């Protein structure tokens, strides 16, 4: 599989596109006003301890207090069960996401939150999930710092190996090498996937750097008053180079001289053999236009996603979950309906895995595939989905097809999706995507005038409506004003107002020019 990275950088925005076999599969966007927070370390102050949910809220200086669960609090004297063959998830699951939220730190005893923390206490925490919707950030006290080859965990006591290193002998060799050089009582590490060709000297150099970074963070907390940021995770471009750029990547193309220099300087220190794979793009045609991916980027905000054979997906984000519906569309096959359904579902499985990565969708996801008659075909579709999900750097889990033909799955979520972060609710429809019909608005206007009449008002009133609603009245209910005047007992004047929203009305007292909409237009 050919993999390449494109970086489009401007002073106000950096966009990173990851392509596999020429197809866009991931998009990372970083802006100064909405920078990535996962991996940042804060000195926080405990605001509240809640035994009922075994959690605490910590003030770290963000708009909403951070959520800290009892399982993420460091217990100095708790035993940790080490397993020599235990696997680890790599930290730094996303470019620039830092090391938080990585592998398991061992199975610790979870003690009651009220025995561990007190209100007003200072505590060092690291962000594992950014604020999403109405929730504040999630944090852990089990801090971890990511390098290119190792993830250092000051509060662990073991050497873990990335799950993605499959060969058992190689895992044992790496574990033995790093265990030998790890000083006593300094913590534990996870050996990352790109470490397979690393030497002992490289490991020692990076481990010393990470340990010194931790010492620097600890020293800073002694002279800092909570809440305060004490360590900022590297930016999106450096994080991507550190976490993803290896010999398996064809190259990195950058359209900014400044970012190009930053990347080459960084690589010179950690992987000089990769410097020649970094290219500076200097053509007049924008980089993403040259790669023909701008259209795909715009399409990630659409509900509909077309499949090669003619079928399509409908992707609907909601508060609780993301629903994905598979439709055969114009693809009707030839003779065998089961083959038609199977082909559509197989294409859908591949595209669903890609769209989840591309849109950075997380949480609970429910996929409604087209019903298949045979169990064998259902198994093949779920296998196809899991195979393509295996390319995802975020942790995913897909369950078997249910009796209702649904596939329930989860995808690790550490920040808002692109849909959440780059769009906002429509002021007209409040995010529903729908507005009331002209007929509904006319009836609403009628009820408002009736309320005014019931109160005994007899002053002339101006009815202001959106032009489309006013046109509906003129064409479909031309006697509306006269009929309503007769019922109300006072003069009415209809005016169109292009400044109104499609489903908005205004009631204005003609003499005093006083707006009384809020008082009478209830529903």
Protein backbone atom coordinates (compact mmCIF):
# COMPACT_ATOMS: atom_id res chain seq x y z
CA UNK A 1 0.00 0.00 0.00
CA UNK A 2 1.42 3.37 -1.04
CA UNK A 3 1.06 5.97 1.70
CA UNK A 4 1.93 9.66 1.42
CA UNK A 5 1.39 12.79 3.50
CA UNK A 6 0.53 16.27 2.22
CA UNK A 7 0.84 19.38 4.42
CA UNK A 8 -0.90 22.64 3.51
CA UNK A 9 0.16 25.37 5.95
CA UNK A 10 -0.88 29.01 6.30
CA UNK A 11 -0.47 31.38 9.28
CA UNK A 12 -4.07 30.72 10.40
CA UNK A 13 -4.50 27.03 9.53
CA UNK A 14 -2.50 23.85 8.98
CA UNK A 15 -4.13 20.97 7.13
CA UNK A 16 -2.54 17.53 6.89
CA UNK A 17 -3.91 14.97 4.42
CA UNK A 18 -2.96 11.29 4.54
CA UNK A 19 -3.37 9.39 1.28
CA UNK A 20 -3.35 5.62 0.80
CA UNK A 21 -2.99 4.40 -2.80
CA UNK A 22 -3.84 7.92 -3.94
CA UNK A 23 -7.11 8.08 -1.95
CA UNK A 24 -7.69 10.52 0.90
CA UNK A 25 -8.21 8.60 4.16
CA UNK A 26 -7.42 11.12 6.94
CA UNK A 27 -7.60 14.86 7.36
CA UNK A 28 -6.09 16.73 10.30
CA UNK A 29 -6.83 20.42 10.82
CA UNK A 30 -5.05 22.66 13.32
CA UNK A 31 -5.88 26.32 13.96
CA UNK A 32 -4.43 28.78 16.51
CA UNK A 33 -7.89 29.55 17.94
CA UNK A 34 -8.80 25.86 18.28
CA UNK A 35 -5.51 24.10 18.90
CA UNK A 36 -5.33 20.43 19.80
CA UNK A 37 -5.17 19.79 23.54
CA UNK A 38 -4.78 16.03 23.93
CA UNK A 39 -1.42 15.29 25.55
CA UNK A 40 -1.12 18.68 27.29
CA UNK A 41 -0.19 18.46 30.99
CA UNK A 42 -1.77 20.82 33.54
CA UNK A 43 -1.39 21.55 37.19
CA UNK A 44 -5.03 21.59 38.24
CA UNK A 45 -7.03 22.18 41.38
CA UNK A 46 -9.73 19.73 42.51
CA UNK A 47 -13.06 21.58 42.50
CA UNK A 48 -15.41 18.79 43.53
CA UNK A 49 -15.16 15.13 44.59
CA UNK A 50 -18.25 13.07 43.72
CA UNK A 51 -18.35 9.62 45.39
CA UNK A 52 -21.67 8.86 43.65
CA UNK A 53 -19.96 8.61 40.26
CA UNK A 54 -16.45 7.90 41.59
CA UNK A 55 -15.01 10.94 39.86
CA UNK A 56 -13.73 14.44 40.49
CA UNK A 57 -13.91 17.70 38.59
CA UNK A 58 -10.59 19.51 38.23
CA UNK A 59 -10.11 23.17 37.33
CA UNK A 60 -7.34 23.35 34.71
CA UNK A 61 -8.20 26.82 33.42
CA UNK A 62 -10.48 25.73 30.57
CA UNK A 63 -14.07 26.93 30.15
CA UNK A 64 -15.44 23.75 31.71
CA UNK A 65 -13.79 21.79 34.50
CA UNK A 66 -12.03 18.56 33.53
CA UNK A 67 -13.46 15.13 34.43
CA UNK A 68 -11.15 12.75 36.34
CA UNK A 69 -12.32 9.19 37.09
CA UNK A 70 -11.07 7.27 40.11
CA UNK A 71 -9.43 4.67 37.83
CA UNK A 72 -7.20 7.42 36.37
CA UNK A 73 -5.84 8.63 39.71
CA UNK A 74 -2.32 7.58 40.62
CA UNK A 75 -2.23 5.34 43.71
CA UNK A 76 1.35 5.34 44.89
CA UNK A 77 1.16 2.23 47.07
CA UNK A 78 -1.22 0.14 44.90
CA UNK A 79 0.24 -3.08 43.47
CA UNK A 80 0.45 -3.36 39.70
CA UNK A 81 0.00 -6.75 38.06
CA UNK A 82 2.64 -7.09 35.34
CA UNK A 83 2.27 -9.69 32.62
CA UNK A 84 5.40 -10.42 30.62
CA UNK A 85 3.39 -11.12 27.50
CA UNK A 86 0.94 -8.27 27.91
CA UNK A 87 0.27 -6.18 24.78
CA UNK A 88 0.00 -2.43 24.74
CA UNK A 89 -1.79 0.14 22.62
CA UNK A 90 0.54 2.82 21.41
CA UNK A 91 0.11 6.25 22.86
CA UNK A 92 -0.20 9.16 20.49
CA UNK A 93 -3.14 7.68 18.61
CA UNK A 94 -3.50 10.78 16.50
CA UNK A 95 -1.04 13.24 15.09
CA UNK A 96 -0.36 15.88 17.66
CA UNK A 97 -2.51 14.03 20.16
CA UNK A 98 0.35 13.38 22.48
CA UNK A 99 0.87 10.37 24.60
CA UNK A 100 -2.21 10.48 26.74
CA UNK A 101 -4.74 7.76 26.49
CA UNK A 102 -2.26 5.20 25.21
CA UNK A 103 -1.62 1.71 26.54
CA UNK A 104 -2.80 0.25 29.78
CA UNK A 105 -0.63 1.16 32.75
CA UNK A 106 -1.14 -2.21 34.40
CA UNK A 107 -4.12 -3.41 36.37
CA UNK A 108 -4.25 -1.18 39.42
CA UNK A 109 -6.49 -1.40 42.43
CA UNK A 110 -9.22 1.26 42.11
CA UNK A 111 -9.75 2.90 45.49
CA UNK A 112 -12.70 5.17 46.41
CA UNK A 113 -12.25 8.64 44.95
CA UNK A 114 -12.97 10.24 48.34
CA UNK A 115 -9.92 8.44 49.80
CA UNK A 116 -7.65 9.73 47.04
CA UNK A 117 -8.59 13.37 46.50
CA UNK A 118 -9.82 16.31 48.54
CA UNK A 119 -11.45 19.54 47.40
CA UNK A 120 -8.85 22.28 46.86
CA UNK A 121 -6.00 19.81 46.32
CA UNK A 122 -3.47 20.48 43.54
CA UNK A 123 -3.01 17.60 41.09
CA UNK A 124 -0.97 17.04 37.92
CA UNK A 125 -3.19 15.80 35.07
CA UNK A 126 -2.95 15.16 31.33
CA UNK A 127 -5.76 15.63 28.80
CA UNK A 128 -6.93 12.39 27.17
CA UNK A 129 -10.09 13.72 25.51
CA UNK A 130 -10.86 17.25 24.38
CA UNK A 131 -14.10 19.08 25.24
CA UNK A 132 -16.92 17.69 23.10
CA UNK A 133 -20.38 19.26 22.86
CA UNK A 134 -21.46 20.22 26.41
CA UNK A 135 -18.78 18.13 28.15
CA UNK A 136 -15.47 19.42 29.44
CA UNK A 137 -12.13 17.70 28.80
CA UNK A 138 -11.32 14.29 30.28
CA UNK A 139 -8.01 13.93 32.10
CA UNK A 140 -5.81 11.32 33.75
CA UNK A 141 -3.26 11.64 36.53
CA UNK A 142 -1.28 8.77 34.97
CA UNK A 143 0.84 11.02 32.78
CA UNK A 144 2.74 9.60 29.78
CA UNK A 145 5.19 11.27 27.40
CA UNK A 146 5.60 10.08 23.81
CA UNK A 147 8.80 9.97 21.80
CA UNK A 148 9.31 8.52 18.36
CA UNK A 149 10.33 5.06 19.58
CA UNK A 150 9.20 4.96 23.22
CA UNK A 151 6.35 6.17 25.39
CA UNK A 152 7.57 6.97 28.90
CA UNK A 153 5.13 6.45 31.80
CA UNK A 154 6.48 7.74 35.13
CA UNK A 155 3.85 5.93 37.22
CA UNK A 156 4.12 2.49 35.56
CA UNK A 157 6.57 -0.30 36.31
CA UNK A 158 6.76 -2.43 33.17
CA UNK A 159 7.98 -2.58 29.58
CA UNK A 160 5.20 -3.08 27.05
CA UNK A 161 5.39 -3.60 23.29
CA UNK A 162 3.03 -2.21 20.65
CA UNK A 163 0.36 -4.66 19.52
CA UNK A 164 1.30 -3.92 15.91
CA UNK A 165 4.66 -5.67 16.22
CA UNK A 166 3.46 -9.19 15.41
CA UNK A 167 6.59 -11.35 15.54
CA UNK A 168 6.99 -12.85 19.00
CA UNK A 169 10.78 -13.15 18.86
CA UNK A 170 11.10 -9.48 17.88
CA UNK A 171 8.81 -8.47 20.72
CA UNK A 172 10.92 -10.42 23.21
CA UNK A 173 14.16 -8.95 21.84
CA UNK A 174 12.91 -5.38 22.10
CA UNK A 175 11.46 -5.94 25.56
CA UNK A 176 14.72 -7.43 26.84
CA UNK A 177 16.82 -4.63 25.31
CA UNK A 178 14.77 -1.82 26.81
CA UNK A 179 14.27 -3.56 30.18
CA UNK A 180 18.04 -3.82 30.56
CA UNK A 181 18.60 -0.09 30.11
CA UNK A 182 15.58 1.10 32.15
CA UNK A 183 16.77 2.42 35.53
CA UNK A 184 15.03 1.20 38.67
CA UNK A 185 12.17 3.24 40.12
CA UNK A 186 11.85 5.65 37.18
CA UNK A 187 8.66 4.25 35.66
CA UNK A 188 7.81 2.14 32.63
CA UNK A 189 7.75 2.43 28.85
CA UNK A 190 5.88 1.21 25.78
CA UNK A 191 7.97 0.29 22.74
CA UNK A 192 6.35 1.77 19.64
CA UNK A 193 5.80 0.14 16.25
CA UNK A 194 8.58 2.07 14.42
CA UNK A 195 11.14 0.74 16.93
CA UNK A 196 11.79 -2.54 15.10
CA UNK A 197 15.02 -1.24 13.52
CA UNK A 198 16.10 1.04 16.37
CA UNK A 199 19.41 0.46 18.13
CA UNK A 200 20.18 0.39 21.83
CA UNK A 201 21.89 3.79 21.58
CA UNK A 202 18.77 5.32 19.99
CA UNK A 203 16.58 3.91 22.77
CA UNK A 204 18.93 5.21 25.48
CA UNK A 205 19.09 8.69 23.96
CA UNK A 206 15.30 8.99 23.66
CA UNK A 207 14.63 7.50 27.10
CA UNK A 208 16.98 10.01 28.71
CA UNK A 209 15.25 12.85 26.84
CA UNK A 210 11.81 11.73 28.01
CA UNK A 211 12.94 11.26 31.62
CA UNK A 212 14.49 14.76 31.59
CA UNK A 213 11.26 16.18 30.18
CA UNK A 214 9.36 14.61 33.08
CA UNK A 215 11.85 16.06 35.60
CA UNK A 216 11.37 19.47 33.99
CA UNK A 217 7.59 19.18 34.31
CA UNK A 218 7.90 18.20 37.98
CA UNK A 219 10.21 21.14 38.69
CA UNK A 220 7.83 23.54 36.97
CA UNK A 221 4.95 22.49 39.22
CA UNK A 222 6.92 23.64 42.27
CA UNK A 223 6.92 27.25 41.03
CA UNK A 224 3.49 27.32 39.36
CA UNK A 225 0.14 28.18 40.85
CA UNK A 226 -2.83 26.03 39.76
CA UNK A 227 -4.57 26.07 37.35
CA UNK A 228 -1.75 26.29 34.80
CA UNK A 229 -0.40 24.59 31.67
CA UNK A 230 2.99 23.02 32.48
CA UNK A 231 3.67 21.01 29.30
CA UNK A 232 2.31 21.49 25.79
CA UNK A 233 2.20 18.59 23.37
CA UNK A 234 3.98 19.07 20.05
CA UNK A 235 2.09 20.64 17.13
CA UNK A 236 0.10 18.65 14.59
CA UNK A 237 2.86 18.47 11.97
CA UNK A 238 5.63 17.38 14.31
CA UNK A 239 3.29 14.96 16.03
CA UNK A 240 2.42 13.39 12.70
CA UNK A 241 6.07 13.03 11.70
CA UNK A 242 6.88 11.51 15.08
CA UNK A 243 3.96 9.08 15.15
CA UNK A 244 3.48 8.11 11.51
CA UNK A 245 6.42 8.98 9.27
CA UNK A 246 8.54 5.89 8.70
CA UNK A 247 10.09 3.89 5.88
CA UNK A 248 6.55 2.68 5.03
CA UNK A 249 5.57 6.23 3.98
CA UNK A 250 6.54 7.22 0.43
CA UNK A 251 7.09 10.83 1.36
CA UNK A 252 5.89 14.10 2.87
CA UNK A 253 5.09 17.07 0.63
CA UNK A 254 4.89 20.51 2.27
CA UNK A 255 3.84 23.81 0.67
CA UNK A 256 5.35 26.06 3.37
CA UNK A 257 9.08 26.80 3.57
CA UNK A 258 8.85 27.39 7.33
CA UNK A 259 7.10 24.07 8.05
CA UNK A 260 9.45 22.28 5.62
CA UNK A 261 12.45 23.58 7.58
CA UNK A 262 10.86 22.56 10.89
CA UNK A 263 10.23 19.00 9.67
CA UNK A 264 13.69 18.52 8.16
CA UNK A 265 15.37 19.91 11.27
CA UNK A 266 13.31 17.61 13.49
CA UNK A 267 14.03 14.55 11.31
CA UNK A 268 17.76 15.31 11.22
CA UNK A 269 17.83 14.67 14.96
CA UNK A 270 15.63 11.55 15.13
CA UNK A 271 15.63 9.88 11.68
CA UNK A 272 18.14 11.47 9.26
CA UNK A 273 17.56 8.70 6.70
CA UNK A 274 14.03 10.07 6.11
CA UNK A 275 15.02 13.70 5.40
CA UNK A 276 15.32 13.10 1.64
CA UNK A 277 11.68 11.94 1.55
CA UNK A 278 10.44 15.40 2.57
CA UNK A 279 9.69 17.60 -0.46
CA UNK A 280 8.94 21.32 -0.66
CA UNK A 281 6.03 22.11 -3.01
CA UNK A 282 6.53 25.43 -4.80
CA UNK A 283 4.15 25.29 -7.78
CA UNK A 284 1.52 28.01 -8.29
CA UNK A 285 -1.39 25.53 -8.27
CA UNK A 286 -2.41 24.91 -4.61
CA UNK A 287 -1.08 21.60 -3.27
CA UNK A 288 -4.46 20.07 -2.40
CA UNK A 289 -5.85 21.12 -5.79
CA UNK A 290 -2.90 19.48 -7.50
CA UNK A 291 -3.63 16.27 -5.56
CA UNK A 292 -7.34 16.62 -6.44
CA UNK A 293 -8.56 16.21 -2.86
CA UNK A 294 -10.30 19.54 -2.16
CA UNK A 295 -13.59 18.14 -3.50
CA UNK A 296 -13.30 15.13 -1.19
CA UNK A 297 -12.66 17.43 1.76
CA UNK A 298 -15.83 19.43 0.98
CA UNK A 299 -17.80 16.20 0.68
CA UNK A 300 -17.02 15.06 4.24
CA UNK A 301 -19.72 17.45 5.48
CA UNK A 302 -22.45 15.94 3.29
CA UNK A 303 -24.99 13.38 4.50
CA UNK A 304 -24.73 11.32 1.35
CA UNK A 305 -21.65 9.39 0.26
CA UNK A 306 -21.78 7.56 -3.08
CA UNK A 307 -20.38 4.05 -3.65
CA UNK A 308 -18.63 2.93 -6.89
CA UNK A 309 -21.40 0.59 -8.06
CA UNK A 310 -24.21 3.13 -7.65
CA UNK A 311 -25.24 2.52 -4.06
CA UNK A 312 -24.77 5.16 -1.37
CA UNK A 313 -24.43 5.79 2.38
CA UNK A 314 -26.44 8.23 4.48
CA UNK A 315 -24.38 9.36 7.48
CA UNK A 316 -26.34 11.06 10.28
CA UNK A 317 -24.56 12.34 13.42
CA UNK A 318 -26.81 12.63 16.49
CA UNK A 319 -26.19 13.47 20.15
CA UNK A 320 -26.07 9.82 21.23
CA UNK A 321 -24.54 8.07 18.22
CA UNK A 322 -23.79 8.19 14.50
CA UNK A 323 -26.14 6.22 12.24
CA UNK A 324 -25.04 4.99 8.83
CA UNK A 325 -27.63 3.65 6.40
CA UNK A 326 -26.60 1.59 3.35
CA UNK A 327 -28.77 1.88 0.21
CA UNK A 328 -28.47 0.07 -3.12
CA UNK A 329 -29.46 3.24 -5.04
CA UNK A 330 -29.39 2.81 -8.80
CA UNK A 331 -27.40 -0.46 -8.60
CA UNK A 332 -29.84 -3.32 -9.29
CA UNK A 333 -27.41 -6.04 -10.38
CA UNK A 334 -28.30 -8.56 -13.08
CA UNK A 335 -30.13 -11.65 -11.85
CA UNK A 336 -29.20 -12.76 -8.33
CA UNK A 337 -30.52 -10.26 -5.73
CA UNK A 338 -28.31 -11.76 -2.99
CA UNK A 339 -25.19 -11.04 -5.08
CA UNK A 340 -26.41 -7.50 -5.66
CA UNK A 341 -26.90 -6.91 -1.93
CA UNK A 342 -23.58 -8.56 -1.05
CA UNK A 343 -21.62 -6.41 -3.50
CA UNK A 344 -23.26 -3.22 -2.24
CA UNK A 345 -22.64 -4.15 1.40
CA UNK A 346 -19.00 -5.07 0.70
CA UNK A 347 -18.38 -1.71 -0.96
CA UNK A 348 -20.20 -0.02 1.93
CA UNK A 349 -18.01 -1.77 4.52
CA UNK A 350 -14.85 -0.41 2.87
CA UNK A 351 -16.28 3.09 2.52
CA UNK A 352 -17.64 3.18 6.08
CA UNK A 353 -14.17 2.44 7.47
CA UNK A 354 -12.68 5.21 5.30
CA UNK A 355 -15.39 7.76 6.13
CA UNK A 356 -14.99 7.21 9.87
CA UNK A 357 -11.29 8.02 9.58
CA UNK A 358 -11.82 10.88 7.16
CA UNK A 359 -14.58 12.55 9.18
CA UNK A 360 -12.87 11.67 12.49
CA UNK A 361 -16.13 10.26 13.83
CA UNK A 362 -16.01 8.72 17.31
CA UNK A 363 -18.22 7.15 19.94
CA UNK A 364 -21.05 4.74 19.19
CA UNK A 365 -21.75 4.02 15.51
CA UNK A 366 -24.64 1.93 14.16
CA UNK A 367 -24.47 0.69 10.56
CA UNK A 368 -27.67 -0.50 8.88
CA UNK A 369 -26.52 -2.78 6.06
CA UNK A 370 -28.97 -4.14 3.47
CA UNK A 371 -30.45 -7.43 4.72
CA UNK A 372 -28.55 -10.54 3.54
CA UNK A 373 -30.06 -14.01 3.44
CA UNK A 374 -26.95 -16.14 4.05
CA UNK A 375 -24.81 -16.14 7.19
CA UNK A 376 -21.71 -16.61 5.05
CA UNK A 377 -22.25 -13.30 3.30
CA UNK A 378 -22.89 -11.55 6.60
CA UNK A 379 -19.62 -12.92 7.96
CA UNK A 380 -17.72 -11.78 4.84
CA UNK A 381 -19.09 -8.25 5.12
CA UNK A 382 -18.16 -7.91 8.79
CA UNK A 383 -14.70 -9.33 8.00
CA UNK A 384 -14.27 -6.72 5.25
CA UNK A 385 -15.30 -3.97 7.67
CA UNK A 386 -12.88 -5.14 10.38
CA UNK A 387 -10.04 -5.53 7.88
CA UNK A 388 -10.31 -1.92 6.75
CA UNK A 389 -10.87 -0.68 10.30
CA UNK A 390 -7.52 -2.30 11.10
CA UNK A 391 -5.81 0.52 9.16
CA UNK A 392 -7.31 3.07 11.55
CA UNK A 393 -4.95 4.60 14.12
CA UNK A 394 -7.88 5.11 16.49
CA UNK A 395 -9.06 2.06 18.43
CA UNK A 396 -12.21 0.49 16.95
CA UNK A 397 -14.41 -2.46 17.78
CA UNK A 398 -17.12 -3.84 15.47
CA UNK A 399 -19.64 -6.41 16.70
CA UNK A 400 -21.25 -9.11 14.55
CA UNK A 401 -24.37 -8.39 12.50
CA UNK A 402 -27.38 -8.38 14.84
CA UNK A 403 -30.76 -10.04 14.27
CA UNK A 404 -32.01 -6.70 12.93
CA UNK A 405 -29.22 -6.54 10.36
CA UNK A 406 -27.33 -3.83 12.27
CA UNK A 407 -23.62 -3.64 13.02
CA UNK A 408 -22.87 -1.87 16.27
CA UNK A 409 -19.36 -0.52 16.70
CA UNK A 410 -17.29 1.99 18.63
CA UNK A 411 -14.41 4.21 17.60
CA UNK A 412 -12.08 5.97 19.98
CA UNK A 413 -12.97 9.64 20.32
CA UNK A 414 -10.44 12.12 21.67
CA UNK A 415 -11.78 15.28 20.05
CA UNK A 416 -14.72 16.65 18.10
CA UNK A 417 -15.34 15.34 14.59
CA UNK A 418 -14.73 17.69 11.66
CA UNK A 419 -18.52 18.08 11.39
CA UNK A 420 -18.66 19.32 15.00
CA UNK A 421 -15.55 21.49 14.95
CA UNK A 422 -15.89 23.11 11.50
CA UNK A 423 -19.64 23.71 11.30
CA UNK A 424 -22.25 25.29 13.56
CA UNK A 425 -25.98 24.92 13.97
CA UNK A 426 -28.12 26.77 11.44
CA UNK A 427 -29.75 29.80 13.17
CA UNK A 428 -32.97 29.13 11.25
CA UNK A 429 -33.46 25.40 11.83
CA UNK A 430 -31.37 25.10 15.05
CA UNK A 431 -29.43 22.22 13.55
CA UNK A 432 -32.40 20.06 12.57
CA UNK A 433 -31.94 20.70 8.87
CA UNK A 434 -35.64 21.50 8.45
CA UNK A 435 -37.91 24.56 8.70
CA UNK A 436 -41.68 24.89 8.93
CA UNK A 437 -43.66 24.95 5.68
CA UNK A 438 -45.38 28.18 4.48
CA UNK A 439 -48.75 26.59 5.29
CA UNK A 440 -47.63 25.99 8.90
CA UNK A 441 -46.37 29.57 9.24
CA UNK A 442 -49.67 30.98 7.94
CA UNK A 443 -51.63 28.95 10.50
CA UNK A 444 -49.21 30.12 13.22
CA UNK A 445 -49.86 33.74 12.16
CA UNK A 446 -53.60 33.13 12.28
CA UNK A 447 -53.40 31.80 15.85
CA UNK A 448 -51.33 34.83 16.95
CA UNK A 449 -53.95 37.27 15.55
CA UNK A 450 -56.74 35.33 17.29
CA UNK A 451 -54.90 35.73 20.62
CA UNK A 452 -54.67 39.48 20.07
CA UNK A 453 -58.41 39.61 19.33
CA UNK A 454 -59.20 37.56 22.44
CA UNK A 455 -57.41 40.20 24.55
CA UNK A 456 -59.63 42.92 23.09
CA UNK A 457 -57.03 44.67 20.95
CA UNK A 458 -58.47 46.70 18.08
CA UNK A 459 -55.42 48.57 16.74
CA UNK A 460 -54.32 47.95 13.12
CA UNK A 461 -51.56 45.32 12.82
CA UNK A 462 -48.88 44.76 10.16
CA UNK A 463 -48.14 41.09 9.43
CA UNK A 464 -44.54 40.71 8.24
CA UNK A 465 -43.74 37.36 6.56
CA UNK A 466 -40.87 35.91 4.54
CA UNK A 467 -41.43 36.49 0.76
CA UNK A 468 -42.04 32.76 0.13
CA UNK A 469 -44.73 32.65 2.81
CA UNK A 470 -46.30 35.89 1.53
CA UNK A 471 -46.34 34.41 -1.98
CA UNK A 472 -48.07 31.30 -0.63
CA UNK A 473 -50.79 33.52 0.87
CA UNK A 474 -51.30 35.43 -2.39
CA UNK A 475 -51.45 32.29 -4.53
CA UNK A 476 -53.11 29.74 -2.27
CA UNK A 477 -55.13 31.79 0.26
CA UNK A 478 -55.89 35.09 -1.46
CA UNK A 479 -58.76 35.81 0.96
CA UNK A 480 -56.62 35.17 4.05
CA UNK A 481 -56.31 38.81 5.18
CA UNK A 482 -60.00 39.67 4.69
CA UNK A 483 -61.14 36.50 6.42
CA UNK A 484 -58.80 37.08 9.34
CA UNK A 485 -59.82 40.76 9.64
CA UNK A 486 -63.44 39.66 9.95
CA UNK A 487 -62.58 37.17 12.71
CA UNK A 488 -60.26 39.55 14.58
CA UNK A 489 -62.28 42.75 14.36
CA UNK A 490 -59.37 45.06 13.45
CA UNK A 491 -57.47 46.01 10.23
CA UNK A 492 -54.55 43.84 9.03
CA UNK A 493 -51.82 44.63 6.49
CA UNK A 494 -49.66 41.93 4.92
CA UNK A 495 -46.04 42.78 3.99
CA UNK A 496 -43.18 40.60 2.79
CA UNK A 497 -39.80 41.02 4.53
CA UNK A 498 -36.73 39.37 2.91
CA UNK A 499 -34.73 39.93 6.11
CA UNK A 500 -36.87 37.41 8.01
CA UNK A 501 -35.96 33.72 8.27
CA UNK A 502 -38.20 31.38 6.19
CA UNK A 503 -40.23 30.33 9.23
CA UNK A 504 -40.19 33.65 11.11
CA UNK A 505 -43.11 36.07 11.49
CA UNK A 506 -43.41 39.57 12.93
CA UNK A 507 -46.49 41.29 14.33
CA UNK A 508 -46.13 45.08 14.44
CA UNK A 509 -48.70 47.55 15.81
CA UNK A 510 -49.11 50.00 12.90
CA UNK A 511 -49.57 53.21 14.88
CA UNK A 512 -46.83 52.81 17.51
CA UNK A 513 -44.64 50.59 15.27
CA UNK A 514 -44.27 48.30 18.29
CA UNK A 515 -43.23 44.67 17.77
CA UNK A 516 -45.52 42.33 19.73
CA UNK A 517 -44.40 39.04 18.15
CA UNK A 518 -43.03 37.51 21.34
CA UNK A 519 -46.26 38.20 23.18
CA UNK A 520 -48.61 36.46 20.76
CA UNK A 521 -46.73 34.19 18.30
CA UNK A 522 -46.33 31.27 20.70
CA UNK A 523 -46.75 28.30 18.32
